[in-house]
Each structure stands twice: as structure tokens, then as C-alpha cells.
Amino acid sequence: MIKKHQIYKTDNWNMLTVEVNGTRFVVREISDQWGEDCQTFLSRQALRHWADERFASEHFTGTEEERQTILANIREV
């Protein structure tokens, strides 16, 4: 059974979802600028490591509160 978690969604094009299928985590990041980017992780630790690098405070364009909310949502998966 696949369980889908919505991490954030700002509109129909900008969103991040995580699908959990057994021990596999599929991250789908959809952007109006870049299209869809899909990555697969085999452990929660790998997913969290990717999220920490992807949403690093140096590179994140939103507020710190938004960044912390995204990281908290990923940790709850």
C-alpha cells in the first residue's frame, strides 16, 4: 500500500510530496520553473539527509519558519 504525504503545496504547480511504499520513499518535487523532479530513497535517514541539504538555510529563499515547517513535515513521514 502506498501512502502519500504532502509536505508543502503553494499552488497547482509548486509542491513537494513523499510517497511511502514499504521501505521505499519517493519524493516528487513539482515546480513551475523546472517541472517534476523525482528521487527515490531506501531509508528515512537518506531522506532526511537530502532534505537537510536541499533546504539548507543558505539556499532557501523563504522564511526560516517555512523552512522549519518543511523539515518538520519530512521528519514526520
N, C-alpha and C. Protein backbone atom coordinates (compact mmCIF):
# COMPACT_ATOMS: atom_id res chain seq x y z
N MET A 1 0.84 -1.17 0.00
CA MET A 1 0.00 0.00 0.00
C MET A 1 0.89 1.25 0.00
N ILE A 2 0.57 2.17 -0.87
CA ILE A 2 1.32 3.41 -0.98
C ILE A 2 0.61 4.49 -0.18
N LYS A 3 1.37 5.15 0.69
CA LYS A 3 0.83 6.25 1.49
C LYS A 3 1.50 7.55 1.04
N LYS A 4 0.69 8.55 0.72
CA LYS A 4 1.21 9.80 0.17
C LYS A 4 1.13 10.90 1.23
N HIS A 5 2.26 11.61 1.42
CA HIS A 5 2.33 12.72 2.36
C HIS A 5 2.61 14.00 1.58
N GLN A 6 1.81 15.02 1.84
CA GLN A 6 2.04 16.32 1.20
C GLN A 6 2.88 17.16 2.15
N ILE A 7 4.08 17.53 1.71
CA ILE A 7 5.00 18.30 2.54
C ILE A 7 4.65 19.78 2.45
N TYR A 8 4.52 20.29 1.24
CA TYR A 8 4.03 21.66 1.05
C TYR A 8 3.36 21.75 -0.31
N LYS A 9 2.48 22.73 -0.43
CA LYS A 9 1.80 23.00 -1.70
C LYS A 9 1.42 24.46 -1.70
N THR A 10 2.01 25.22 -2.62
CA THR A 10 1.70 26.65 -2.68
C THR A 10 0.64 26.93 -3.74
N ASP A 11 0.61 26.15 -4.81
CA ASP A 11 -0.42 26.24 -5.84
C ASP A 11 -0.43 24.92 -6.60
N ASN A 12 -1.07 24.89 -7.78
CA ASN A 12 -1.14 23.63 -8.52
C ASN A 12 0.19 23.16 -9.07
N TRP A 13 1.18 24.05 -9.14
CA TRP A 13 2.45 23.68 -9.74
C TRP A 13 3.59 23.54 -8.75
N ASN A 14 3.58 24.23 -7.67
CA ASN A 14 4.69 24.22 -6.72
C ASN A 14 4.32 23.38 -5.50
N MET A 15 4.86 22.16 -5.46
CA MET A 15 4.54 21.27 -4.35
C MET A 15 5.63 20.23 -4.17
N LEU A 16 5.62 19.62 -3.00
CA LEU A 16 6.54 18.54 -2.66
C LEU A 16 5.74 17.46 -1.96
N THR A 17 5.79 16.25 -2.48
CA THR A 17 5.10 15.12 -1.86
C THR A 17 6.10 13.98 -1.64
N VAL A 18 5.80 13.15 -0.64
CA VAL A 18 6.59 11.96 -0.37
C VAL A 18 5.63 10.78 -0.37
N GLU A 19 5.91 9.78 -1.19
CA GLU A 19 5.13 8.55 -1.24
C GLU A 19 5.92 7.46 -0.54
N VAL A 20 5.28 6.81 0.43
CA VAL A 20 5.92 5.72 1.17
C VAL A 20 5.36 4.41 0.64
N ASN A 21 6.25 3.58 0.10
CA ASN A 21 5.87 2.28 -0.43
C ASN A 21 6.77 1.23 0.21
N GLY A 22 6.32 0.70 1.33
CA GLY A 22 7.15 -0.25 2.08
C GLY A 22 8.32 0.47 2.71
N THR A 23 9.54 0.10 2.28
CA THR A 23 10.73 0.76 2.80
C THR A 23 11.28 1.78 1.82
N ARG A 24 10.55 2.06 0.77
CA ARG A 24 10.99 2.99 -0.27
C ARG A 24 10.25 4.31 -0.13
N PHE A 25 10.99 5.42 -0.23
CA PHE A 25 10.43 6.76 -0.14
C PHE A 25 10.65 7.46 -1.49
N VAL A 26 9.57 7.84 -2.14
CA VAL A 26 9.66 8.51 -3.44
C VAL A 26 9.27 9.97 -3.24
N VAL A 27 10.21 10.86 -3.51
CA VAL A 27 9.99 12.30 -3.36
C VAL A 27 9.71 12.88 -4.73
N ARG A 28 8.58 13.57 -4.85
CA ARG A 28 8.22 14.24 -6.09
C ARG A 28 8.14 15.74 -5.82
N GLU A 29 9.04 16.47 -6.45
CA GLU A 29 9.06 17.92 -6.31
C GLU A 29 8.62 18.51 -7.65
N ILE A 30 7.51 19.23 -7.64
CA ILE A 30 6.97 19.81 -8.86
C ILE A 30 7.11 21.33 -8.76
N SER A 31 7.71 21.91 -9.80
CA SER A 31 7.96 23.35 -9.83
C SER A 31 7.47 23.91 -11.16
N ASP A 32 6.96 25.12 -11.14
CA ASP A 32 6.54 25.75 -12.39
C ASP A 32 7.73 26.15 -13.26
N GLN A 33 8.92 26.20 -12.69
CA GLN A 33 10.13 26.56 -13.45
C GLN A 33 10.86 25.34 -13.99
N TRP A 34 10.91 24.25 -13.20
CA TRP A 34 11.75 23.11 -13.56
C TRP A 34 10.96 21.86 -13.92
N GLY A 35 9.66 21.85 -13.73
CA GLY A 35 8.89 20.65 -13.99
C GLY A 35 8.92 19.72 -12.80
N GLU A 36 8.89 18.43 -13.06
CA GLU A 36 8.86 17.44 -11.98
C GLU A 36 10.22 16.79 -11.80
N ASP A 37 10.65 16.71 -10.55
CA ASP A 37 11.89 16.05 -10.18
C ASP A 37 11.52 14.93 -9.22
N CYS A 38 11.95 13.72 -9.52
CA CYS A 38 11.59 12.56 -8.70
C CYS A 38 12.87 11.89 -8.19
N GLN A 39 12.89 11.60 -6.88
CA GLN A 39 14.03 10.91 -6.29
C GLN A 39 13.52 9.80 -5.38
N THR A 40 14.26 8.71 -5.32
CA THR A 40 13.88 7.56 -4.51
C THR A 40 14.94 7.33 -3.44
N PHE A 41 14.48 7.12 -2.21
CA PHE A 41 15.36 6.85 -1.08
C PHE A 41 14.97 5.53 -0.45
N LEU A 42 15.95 4.80 0.06
CA LEU A 42 15.70 3.49 0.65
C LEU A 42 15.66 3.52 2.17
N SER A 43 15.88 4.69 2.76
CA SER A 43 15.82 4.80 4.22
C SER A 43 15.37 6.19 4.61
N ARG A 44 14.84 6.30 5.82
CA ARG A 44 14.43 7.61 6.34
C ARG A 44 15.65 8.52 6.55
N GLN A 45 16.76 7.92 6.95
CA GLN A 45 17.97 8.71 7.17
C GLN A 45 18.43 9.37 5.88
N ALA A 46 18.38 8.63 4.77
CA ALA A 46 18.77 9.20 3.48
C ALA A 46 17.82 10.32 3.07
N LEU A 47 16.54 10.15 3.32
CA LEU A 47 15.54 11.18 3.02
C LEU A 47 15.81 12.43 3.84
N ARG A 48 16.06 12.27 5.12
CA ARG A 48 16.33 13.42 5.98
C ARG A 48 17.63 14.12 5.61
N HIS A 49 18.64 13.35 5.25
CA HIS A 49 19.91 13.95 4.82
C HIS A 49 19.70 14.79 3.56
N TRP A 50 18.95 14.25 2.59
CA TRP A 50 18.64 15.01 1.37
C TRP A 50 17.89 16.29 1.71
N ALA A 51 16.90 16.19 2.60
CA ALA A 51 16.09 17.36 2.97
C ALA A 51 16.95 18.42 3.66
N ASP A 52 17.86 18.00 4.53
CA ASP A 52 18.73 18.97 5.20
C ASP A 52 19.61 19.71 4.21
N GLU A 53 20.09 19.01 3.18
CA GLU A 53 20.91 19.67 2.16
C GLU A 53 20.07 20.49 1.20
N ARG A 54 18.92 19.96 0.80
CA ARG A 54 18.06 20.66 -0.17
C ARG A 54 17.48 21.94 0.42
N PHE A 55 17.12 21.91 1.69
CA PHE A 55 16.51 23.07 2.35
C PHE A 55 17.47 23.69 3.36
N ALA A 56 18.74 23.77 3.00
CA ALA A 56 19.73 24.42 3.85
C ALA A 56 19.41 25.91 3.94
N SER A 57 19.67 26.50 5.09
CA SER A 57 19.29 27.90 5.31
C SER A 57 20.01 28.85 4.37
N GLU A 58 21.20 28.50 3.87
CA GLU A 58 21.92 29.36 2.95
C GLU A 58 21.25 29.47 1.59
N HIS A 59 20.56 28.39 1.17
CA HIS A 59 19.99 28.32 -0.17
C HIS A 59 18.48 28.52 -0.20
N PHE A 60 17.83 28.50 0.93
CA PHE A 60 16.37 28.57 0.96
C PHE A 60 15.93 30.02 0.80
N THR A 61 14.97 30.27 -0.11
CA THR A 61 14.54 31.63 -0.39
C THR A 61 13.38 32.10 0.48
N GLY A 62 12.68 31.20 1.15
CA GLY A 62 11.56 31.58 2.00
C GLY A 62 12.02 32.00 3.39
N THR A 63 11.05 32.10 4.29
CA THR A 63 11.37 32.47 5.66
C THR A 63 11.88 31.26 6.44
N GLU A 64 12.49 31.53 7.57
CA GLU A 64 13.01 30.44 8.42
C GLU A 64 11.87 29.59 8.96
N GLU A 65 10.73 30.21 9.23
CA GLU A 65 9.57 29.46 9.72
C GLU A 65 9.07 28.48 8.66
N GLU A 66 9.03 28.88 7.39
CA GLU A 66 8.63 27.98 6.31
C GLU A 66 9.60 26.81 6.19
N ARG A 67 10.88 27.12 6.29
CA ARG A 67 11.91 26.08 6.18
C ARG A 67 11.78 25.06 7.31
N GLN A 68 11.57 25.54 8.51
CA GLN A 68 11.41 24.64 9.66
C GLN A 68 10.15 23.79 9.53
N THR A 69 9.07 24.37 8.99
CA THR A 69 7.83 23.61 8.78
C THR A 69 8.04 22.50 7.77
N ILE A 70 8.75 22.79 6.69
CA ILE A 70 9.03 21.77 5.66
C ILE A 70 9.86 20.64 6.25
N LEU A 71 10.91 20.98 6.98
CA LEU A 71 11.77 19.96 7.58
C LEU A 71 11.01 19.14 8.62
N ALA A 72 10.13 19.77 9.40
CA ALA A 72 9.33 19.05 10.38
C ALA A 72 8.36 18.09 9.70
N ASN A 73 7.76 18.52 8.60
CA ASN A 73 6.85 17.63 7.86
C ASN A 73 7.58 16.42 7.29
N ILE A 74 8.82 16.61 6.84
CA ILE A 74 9.59 15.49 6.32
C ILE A 74 9.97 14.54 7.45
N ARG A 75 10.29 15.07 8.61
CA ARG A 75 10.64 14.20 9.75
C ARG A 75 9.47 13.37 10.22
N GLU A 76 8.23 13.84 10.01
CA GLU A 76 7.04 13.10 10.43
C GLU A 76 6.68 11.96 9.49
N VAL A 77 7.30 11.91 8.31
CA VAL A 77 6.99 10.85 7.34
C VAL A 77 7.46 9.52 7.89
